[in-house]
Amino acid sequence: MDKKRLIKAKALSKELADEVNHLVSSSSDYDLERLLKKIEAEIMDVQHNLKLALRISEDGKGEEK
C-alpha cells in the first residue's frame, strides 16, 4: 500500500471535514444542517478508517495498538 497516498487522503479528509463544519455553522436551514451533520459523521468514519489503514500499513498487520 502506498503510505504517501494514505497520508494525502487523511489530509484531504481533514480539509473536507473543516469545510463541512463551516457549512454546518453557517447554515440556517434545519434540514440542510441535519444532512450536513450526517455528512460530518461519515467523514469522521472515513478519517478513523484512514488512521487505521495507516497504522496497519506501518505495522504490517491488522492489530490495533
C-alpha atoms as a PDB file:
ATOM      1  CA  MET A   1       0.000   0.000   0.000  1.00  0.00           C
ATOM      2  CA  ASP A   2       1.223   3.471  -0.817  1.00  0.00           C
ATOM      3  CA  LYS A   3       1.693   5.209   2.543  1.00  0.00           C
ATOM      4  CA  LYS A   4       2.023   8.640   0.898  1.00  0.00           C
ATOM      5  CA  ARG A   5      -1.421   8.289  -0.655  1.00  0.00           C
ATOM      6  CA  LEU A   6      -2.936   7.314   2.686  1.00  0.00           C
ATOM      7  CA  ILE A   7      -1.365  10.368   4.304  1.00  0.00           C
ATOM      8  CA  LYS A   8      -2.653  12.561   1.471  1.00  0.00           C
ATOM      9  CA  ALA A   9      -6.148  11.058   1.780  1.00  0.00           C
ATOM     10  CA  LYS A  10      -6.103  11.691   5.529  1.00  0.00           C
ATOM     11  CA  ALA A  11      -5.105  15.335   4.967  1.00  0.00           C
ATOM     12  CA  LEU A  12      -7.823  15.758   2.343  1.00  0.00           C
ATOM     13  CA  SER A  13     -10.416  14.265   4.674  1.00  0.00           C
ATOM     14  CA  LYS A  14      -9.380  16.784   7.340  1.00  0.00           C
ATOM     15  CA  GLU A  15      -9.767  19.623   4.840  1.00  0.00           C
ATOM     16  CA  LEU A  16     -13.178  18.307   3.788  1.00  0.00           C
ATOM     17  CA  ALA A  17     -14.250  17.975   7.426  1.00  0.00           C
ATOM     18  CA  ASP A  18     -13.285  21.604   8.044  1.00  0.00           C
ATOM     19  CA  GLU A  19     -15.300  22.772   5.034  1.00  0.00           C
ATOM     20  CA  VAL A  20     -18.383  20.775   6.015  1.00  0.00           C
ATOM     21  CA  ASN A  21     -18.076  22.016   9.599  1.00  0.00           C
ATOM     22  CA  HIS A  22     -18.075  25.582   8.284  1.00  0.00           C
ATOM     23  CA  LEU A  23     -21.171  24.822   6.209  1.00  0.00           C
ATOM     24  CA  VAL A  24     -22.935  23.407   9.276  1.00  0.00           C
ATOM     25  CA  SER A  25     -22.064  26.509  11.285  1.00  0.00           C
ATOM     26  CA  SER A  26     -23.302  28.886   8.626  1.00  0.00           C
ATOM     27  CA  SER A  27     -26.493  27.002   7.770  1.00  0.00           C
ATOM     28  CA  SER A  28     -29.793  28.487   8.835  1.00  0.00           C
ATOM     29  CA  ASP A  29     -31.905  25.697   7.347  1.00  0.00           C
ATOM     30  CA  TYR A  30     -32.709  22.905   9.812  1.00  0.00           C
ATOM     31  CA  ASP A  31     -32.969  20.112   7.219  1.00  0.00           C
ATOM     32  CA  LEU A  32     -29.762  21.174   5.485  1.00  0.00           C
ATOM     33  CA  GLU A  33     -27.952  21.340   8.820  1.00  0.00           C
ATOM     34  CA  ARG A  34     -29.109  17.807   9.709  1.00  0.00           C
ATOM     35  CA  LEU A  35     -27.910  16.500   6.349  1.00  0.00           C
ATOM     36  CA  LEU A  36     -24.551  18.225   6.733  1.00  0.00           C
ATOM     37  CA  LYS A  37     -24.170  16.762  10.220  1.00  0.00           C
ATOM     38  CA  LYS A  38     -24.739  13.291   8.749  1.00  0.00           C
ATOM     39  CA  ILE A  39     -22.016  14.028   6.212  1.00  0.00           C
ATOM     40  CA  GLU A  40     -19.759  15.169   9.060  1.00  0.00           C
ATOM     41  CA  ALA A  41     -20.293  11.854  10.833  1.00  0.00           C
ATOM     42  CA  GLU A  42     -19.479   9.907   7.674  1.00  0.00           C
ATOM     43  CA  ILE A  43     -16.300  11.928   7.203  1.00  0.00           C
ATOM     44  CA  MET A  44     -15.325  11.118  10.785  1.00  0.00           C
ATOM     45  CA  ASP A  45     -15.747   7.423   9.937  1.00  0.00           C
ATOM     46  CA  VAL A  46     -13.535   7.876   6.879  1.00  0.00           C
ATOM     47  CA  GLN A  47     -10.892   9.651   8.964  1.00  0.00           C
ATOM     48  CA  HIS A  48     -10.947   6.867  11.535  1.00  0.00           C
ATOM     49  CA  ASN A  49     -10.628   4.192   8.859  1.00  0.00           C
ATOM     50  CA  LEU A  50      -7.763   6.042   7.181  1.00  0.00           C
ATOM     51  CA  LYS A  51      -5.993   6.276  10.531  1.00  0.00           C
ATOM     52  CA  LEU A  52      -6.415   2.519  10.984  1.00  0.00           C
ATOM     53  CA  ALA A  53      -5.190   1.874   7.441  1.00  0.00           C
ATOM     54  CA  LEU A  54      -2.078   3.944   8.131  1.00  0.00           C
ATOM     55  CA  ARG A  55      -1.444   2.056  11.345  1.00  0.00           C
ATOM     56  CA  ILE A  56      -1.873  -1.279   9.578  1.00  0.00           C
ATOM     57  CA  SER A  57       0.436  -0.242   6.733  1.00  0.00           C
ATOM     58  CA  GLU A  58       3.091   0.860   9.234  1.00  0.00           C
ATOM     59  CA  ASP A  59       2.810  -2.253  11.405  1.00  0.00           C
ATOM     60  CA  GLY A  60       2.316  -4.679   8.579  1.00  0.00           C
ATOM     61  CA  LYS A  61      -0.520  -6.334  10.464  1.00  0.00           C
ATOM     62  CA  GLY A  62      -4.114  -5.672  11.445  1.00  0.00           C
ATOM     63  CA  GLU A  63      -3.743  -5.285  15.194  1.00  0.00           C
ATOM     64  CA  GLU A  64      -4.649  -2.042  16.947  1.00  0.00           C
ATOM     65  CA  LYS A  65      -2.211  -0.589  19.463  1.00  0.00           C
END
